[in-house]
Every structure is written in C-alpha cells, then in structure tokens.
Amino acid sequence: MALSENTPPRKQIVNEDTKINWWQPALIMFGRMSFWVVAPVVLGLVVGRWLDRILDAEPWGLISVVGLAFVISMIGLVKEASREYEKIANENKESKK
C-alpha cells in the first residue's frame, strides 16, 4: 500500500530547539527502569552463589543476597519514578505559563 500525497506527516519532533524525537524520553526512562530491575538481581545472583560456595551455606547466601538486591531494586525504582514524575510535573507547570 503506497502512501498518498494527502497523508499527513507523522509527528517527529517534540522540541524544535533540541531536535528530540517523541519516543526518545520514553525509551530512556524504560532503560533506566529496566536497569533497576535487572542489574541488582543479576549481581545478587552472582554474589549469592559465590558466597554459598565460599561459606558452604547453600542456599542461604543466595536467598539473603537476592532479597537484599530486591530491596535495592525497589528503592532505585521508586527514586527513578519520583525523578520522572517531578520532571513531568515541572514540564506541565512550564507549559501552563
């Protein structure tokens, strides 16, 4: 199906000054949030398995470290979400002026 000449162009730019595509802020936020979910848990798995081998305390090292990693993930997610919420609230305040 070919596009006709009457087809309106898609919205490409959010801000003319910075030339940011409309999808870039959402992708950046997704990446930051994903980091806070994946990185602490994967690091906790590695450290927990290592502690289990060193201390011969299987599975308690893994369970403890992964539990701590989960808490760290939640704290990081809340901080990141709060930062994004403040950014959106500030943009809304500026747009109303």
Protein backbone atom coordinates (compact mmCIF):
# COMPACT_ATOMS: atom_id res chain seq x y z
CA MET A 1 0.00 0.00 0.00
CA ALA A 2 1.58 3.25 -1.12
CA LEU A 3 1.26 6.44 0.85
CA SER A 4 -0.67 9.12 -0.92
CA GLU A 5 0.37 12.74 -1.08
CA ASN A 6 -2.56 13.60 1.19
CA THR A 7 -1.21 11.53 4.08
CA PRO A 8 -0.21 13.88 6.91
CA PRO A 9 3.36 13.51 8.15
CA ARG A 10 3.87 11.76 11.48
CA LYS A 11 4.82 13.84 14.46
CA GLN A 12 8.60 13.55 14.59
CA ILE A 13 9.89 16.22 16.94
CA VAL A 14 8.87 17.11 20.50
CA ASN A 15 11.09 20.14 20.89
CA GLU A 16 12.38 22.15 17.94
CA ASP A 17 15.35 23.50 19.95
CA THR A 18 16.82 20.14 20.91
CA LYS A 19 15.53 18.01 17.98
CA ILE A 20 14.33 15.18 20.26
CA ASN A 21 12.05 12.58 18.72
CA TRP A 22 8.80 11.97 20.58
CA TRP A 23 9.77 8.42 21.59
CA GLN A 24 13.27 9.08 22.95
CA PRO A 25 12.32 10.18 26.51
CA ALA A 26 10.13 7.11 26.95
CA LEU A 27 12.89 4.80 25.71
CA ILE A 28 15.41 6.40 28.08
CA MET A 29 13.02 6.01 31.01
CA PHE A 30 12.38 2.36 30.04
CA GLY A 31 16.12 1.71 30.01
CA ARG A 32 16.66 3.29 33.41
CA MET A 33 13.77 1.41 34.98
CA SER A 34 14.90 -1.88 33.41
CA PHE A 35 18.39 -1.33 34.80
CA TRP A 36 16.98 -1.04 38.32
CA VAL A 37 15.07 -4.30 37.88
CA VAL A 38 17.78 -6.40 36.25
CA ALA A 39 21.18 -5.21 37.48
CA PRO A 40 20.80 -5.63 41.27
CA VAL A 41 19.13 -9.03 40.93
CA VAL A 42 21.73 -10.41 38.50
CA LEU A 43 24.54 -9.05 40.67
CA GLY A 44 22.80 -10.58 43.71
CA LEU A 45 22.63 -13.96 42.00
CA VAL A 46 26.34 -13.91 41.20
CA VAL A 47 27.39 -12.72 44.66
CA GLY A 48 24.98 -15.08 46.41
CA ARG A 49 26.24 -18.13 44.53
CA TRP A 50 29.82 -17.07 45.26
CA LEU A 51 29.06 -16.68 48.98
CA ASP A 52 27.38 -20.09 49.04
CA ARG A 53 30.49 -21.72 47.60
CA ILE A 54 32.86 -19.87 49.93
CA LEU A 55 30.84 -20.31 53.14
CA ASP A 56 29.27 -23.68 52.27
CA ALA A 57 25.92 -22.28 53.35
CA GLU A 58 23.78 -23.22 50.38
CA PRO A 59 21.09 -21.73 49.75
CA TRP A 60 21.14 -19.08 52.49
CA GLY A 61 23.75 -16.81 50.91
CA LEU A 62 21.85 -16.74 47.65
CA ILE A 63 18.50 -16.11 49.33
CA SER A 64 19.89 -13.35 51.55
CA VAL A 65 21.75 -11.51 48.80
CA VAL A 66 18.88 -11.77 46.29
CA GLY A 67 16.49 -10.48 48.98
CA LEU A 68 18.81 -7.52 49.58
CA ALA A 69 19.07 -6.98 45.81
CA PHE A 70 15.26 -6.92 45.58
CA VAL A 71 15.08 -4.21 48.25
CA ILE A 72 17.77 -2.20 46.46
CA SER A 73 15.82 -2.60 43.18
CA MET A 74 12.63 -1.29 44.76
CA ILE A 75 14.40 1.71 46.29
CA GLY A 76 16.04 2.52 42.95
CA LEU A 77 12.75 2.17 41.07
CA VAL A 78 10.94 4.47 43.49
CA LYS A 79 13.69 7.09 43.25
CA GLU A 80 13.76 6.91 39.44
CA ALA A 81 9.96 7.07 39.18
CA SER A 82 9.88 10.06 41.56
CA ARG A 83 12.51 11.83 39.47
CA GLU A 84 10.49 11.24 36.28
CA TYR A 85 7.27 12.35 37.98
CA GLU A 86 8.92 15.61 39.10
CA LYS A 87 10.24 16.17 35.58
CA ILE A 88 6.76 15.71 34.10
CA ALA A 89 5.18 17.96 36.75
CA ASN A 90 7.74 20.71 36.02
CA GLU A 91 7.09 20.44 32.28
CA ASN A 92 3.35 20.78 32.91
CA LYS A 93 3.88 23.85 35.10
CA GLU A 94 6.07 25.46 32.43
CA SER A 95 3.59 24.74 29.67
CA LYS A 96 0.78 26.41 31.65
CA LYS A 97 2.75 29.66 31.98
